[in-house]
Each structure stands twice: as C-alpha cells, then as structure tokens.
Amino acid sequence: MADIPTLLANYDALVGVALGAGLTYGFSALSRRHQEAREDKTRWYQARLQAYSEFSRVLLEQERLIRKTERKQEDIRDIILSLQSAGGMIRLVGSTEVLVAFTTLLQASDADRVQFFGAVAEFEEAARKDLGHPSP
C-alpha cells in the first residue's frame, strides 16, 4: 500500500497535467473560433463586394445601351439577365440598408432619369457604407 505523501505528490502531478491539457484545449478552441469568425467576415465581405460591383457594372452597361441609337434585342435580353443575377446576389448578401436602396432603385427604374440616378447614388452610398468604405 502506498503511503500518503507519495500518493499526494502523484495526485498533484496528475491534476497539473490535466489542468494544463484542459487549458491548452480551451485556448486552442477559442483561438480557432476567432479565426473562423474572421474568415467568415472576410468571405461575406468578398461576396458583398462582388455582388455590388457586378450590379454597378451592369447598371453602367444598361446606361450605355440606352444611349445607343440602335438597340439590339439580344443585348437588352443579356442586360436583363445580368441585372436579375446581380440582384439575386444582392438580396442574399446585402445589408438591410442596401436592400432598401436596391428596392428604391428598382422602383425608380420606371421613373424619370433624375430620380433614377438619385436612386443609383443612394444605392452606391449604402453599398459603400455596408463595405466600410468612406464616401468619395
């Protein structure tokens, strides 16, 4: 049978090893969660940036086609499909403020040109704010 001092000395060592392993695991898990959160934030930022950029590109392309005197039916169909695709991405990843500006923009597309370009500026401002970029 082991004597009490030897048993207590071994017990302290076992508690120290267990405590060290538990703390190492806990801090590793915490660090991993923070890293995953940063990576998720980066992925969502990239998705929003891509959606807003694509939508802005299509808007400019639409404006260029409207200014042309000869409009090809095929070009107009391609622009509509691109707008629908870009709009779908914005509905998925856009913030509430961007979605409000996006809806206003869609409603203003049937209005006069001044109101439409005002809605475009409002959308771009909301997108910049959502991405954390300062206004020009």
Protein backbone atom coordinates (compact mmCIF):
# COMPACT_ATOMS: atom_id res chain seq x y z
CA MET A 1 0.00 0.00 0.00
CA ALA A 2 1.30 3.48 -0.92
CA ASP A 3 2.00 5.98 1.76
CA ILE A 4 0.03 9.26 1.83
CA PRO A 5 2.84 11.71 0.87
CA THR A 6 3.70 9.70 -2.27
CA LEU A 7 0.03 9.48 -3.24
CA LEU A 8 -0.47 13.23 -2.78
CA ALA A 9 2.67 14.03 -4.82
CA ASN A 10 1.42 11.89 -7.71
CA TYR A 11 -2.07 13.39 -7.42
CA ASP A 12 -0.71 16.94 -7.72
CA ALA A 13 1.23 15.99 -10.85
CA LEU A 14 -1.85 14.37 -12.41
CA VAL A 15 -4.01 17.41 -11.61
CA GLY A 16 -1.34 19.70 -13.11
CA VAL A 17 -1.15 17.66 -16.32
CA ALA A 18 -4.94 17.51 -16.63
CA LEU A 19 -5.31 21.22 -15.94
CA GLY A 20 -2.59 22.08 -18.46
CA ALA A 21 -4.18 19.90 -21.14
CA GLY A 22 -7.62 21.36 -20.47
CA LEU A 23 -6.36 24.96 -20.65
CA THR A 24 -4.41 24.23 -23.84
CA TYR A 25 -7.50 22.72 -25.46
CA GLY A 26 -9.72 25.58 -24.29
CA PHE A 27 -7.42 28.32 -25.55
CA SER A 28 -6.92 26.48 -28.85
CA ALA A 29 -10.68 26.18 -29.35
CA LEU A 30 -11.18 29.85 -28.51
CA SER A 31 -8.45 30.88 -30.95
CA ARG A 32 -9.94 28.65 -33.65
CA ARG A 33 -13.40 30.21 -33.17
CA HIS A 34 -11.96 33.71 -33.50
CA GLN A 35 -10.06 32.72 -36.64
CA GLU A 36 -13.19 31.15 -38.19
CA ALA A 37 -15.19 34.29 -37.38
CA ARG A 38 -12.56 36.45 -39.11
CA GLU A 39 -12.57 34.14 -42.13
CA ASP A 40 -16.38 34.22 -42.30
CA LYS A 41 -16.35 38.00 -42.12
CA THR A 42 -13.83 38.11 -44.97
CA ARG A 43 -15.89 35.70 -47.09
CA TRP A 44 -19.08 37.74 -46.60
CA TYR A 45 -17.21 40.95 -47.38
CA GLN A 46 -15.93 39.44 -50.64
CA ALA A 47 -19.43 38.21 -51.54
CA ARG A 48 -20.96 41.65 -50.89
CA LEU A 49 -18.19 43.41 -52.81
CA GLN A 50 -18.65 41.08 -55.79
CA ALA A 51 -22.44 41.49 -55.77
CA TYR A 52 -22.33 45.29 -55.53
CA SER A 53 -19.60 45.56 -58.16
CA GLU A 54 -21.43 43.31 -60.59
CA PHE A 55 -24.68 45.21 -60.14
CA SER A 56 -22.93 48.56 -60.67
CA ARG A 57 -21.20 47.22 -63.77
CA VAL A 58 -24.50 46.03 -65.22
CA LEU A 59 -26.15 49.38 -64.44
CA LEU A 60 -23.44 51.20 -66.34
CA GLU A 61 -23.74 48.76 -69.23
CA GLN A 62 -27.50 49.32 -69.28
CA GLU A 63 -26.97 53.08 -69.42
CA ARG A 64 -24.51 52.69 -72.29
CA LEU A 65 -27.01 50.60 -74.26
CA ILE A 66 -29.84 53.03 -73.62
CA ARG A 67 -27.73 55.86 -75.04
CA LYS A 68 -27.06 53.92 -78.22
CA THR A 69 -29.34 54.82 -81.09
CA GLU A 70 -29.54 51.24 -82.33
CA ARG A 71 -30.58 48.82 -79.63
CA LYS A 72 -30.23 45.16 -80.30
CA GLN A 73 -32.87 42.92 -78.75
CA GLU A 74 -30.21 40.36 -77.83
CA ASP A 75 -28.12 42.92 -75.92
CA ILE A 76 -31.16 44.07 -73.95
CA ARG A 77 -32.02 40.46 -73.04
CA ASP A 78 -28.44 39.87 -71.85
CA ILE A 79 -28.55 43.01 -69.70
CA ILE A 80 -31.85 41.96 -68.12
CA LEU A 81 -30.43 38.52 -67.29
CA SER A 82 -27.30 40.11 -65.80
CA LEU A 83 -29.40 42.50 -63.70
CA GLN A 84 -31.51 39.62 -62.39
CA SER A 85 -28.40 37.63 -61.49
CA ALA A 86 -26.68 40.54 -59.76
CA GLY A 87 -29.91 41.48 -57.98
CA GLY A 88 -30.29 37.94 -56.68
CA MET A 89 -26.81 38.07 -55.14
CA ILE A 90 -27.60 41.42 -53.51
CA ARG A 91 -30.81 40.02 -52.00
CA LEU A 92 -28.76 37.22 -50.42
CA VAL A 93 -25.79 39.12 -49.03
CA GLY A 94 -26.86 42.77 -48.80
CA SER A 95 -27.48 44.58 -45.54
CA THR A 96 -30.93 45.96 -44.72
CA GLU A 97 -29.91 49.46 -45.79
CA VAL A 98 -28.60 48.17 -49.12
CA LEU A 99 -31.79 46.17 -49.71
CA VAL A 100 -33.91 49.29 -49.10
CA ALA A 101 -31.76 51.29 -51.54
CA PHE A 102 -31.90 48.39 -54.02
CA THR A 103 -35.71 48.28 -53.85
CA THR A 104 -35.87 52.06 -54.30
CA LEU A 105 -33.58 51.74 -57.30
CA LEU A 106 -35.79 49.09 -58.89
CA GLN A 107 -38.88 51.25 -58.37
CA ALA A 108 -37.09 54.32 -59.78
CA SER A 109 -36.12 52.47 -62.96
CA ASP A 110 -39.58 53.32 -64.35
CA ALA A 111 -39.33 56.95 -63.24
CA ASP A 112 -37.54 59.87 -64.86
CA ARG A 113 -33.77 59.83 -65.29
CA VAL A 114 -33.05 62.30 -62.47
CA GLN A 115 -34.91 60.14 -59.94
CA PHE A 116 -33.23 57.01 -61.32
CA PHE A 117 -29.70 58.41 -60.97
CA GLY A 118 -30.56 59.68 -57.49
CA ALA A 119 -31.56 56.12 -56.58
CA VAL A 120 -28.29 54.82 -58.10
CA ALA A 121 -26.32 57.26 -55.94
CA GLU A 122 -28.31 56.18 -52.85
CA PHE A 123 -27.60 52.51 -53.63
CA GLU A 124 -23.88 53.16 -54.09
CA GLU A 125 -23.73 55.14 -50.83
CA ALA A 126 -25.45 52.29 -48.94
CA ALA A 127 -23.12 49.73 -50.53
CA ARG A 128 -20.02 51.75 -49.56
CA LYS A 129 -21.29 52.07 -46.00
CA ASP A 130 -22.01 48.32 -45.83
CA LEU A 131 -18.49 47.55 -47.05
CA GLY A 132 -16.95 50.06 -44.65
CA HIS A 133 -15.62 52.34 -47.38
CA PRO A 134 -15.81 56.11 -46.99
CA SER A 135 -17.88 58.14 -49.41
CA PRO A 136 -15.91 59.99 -52.06
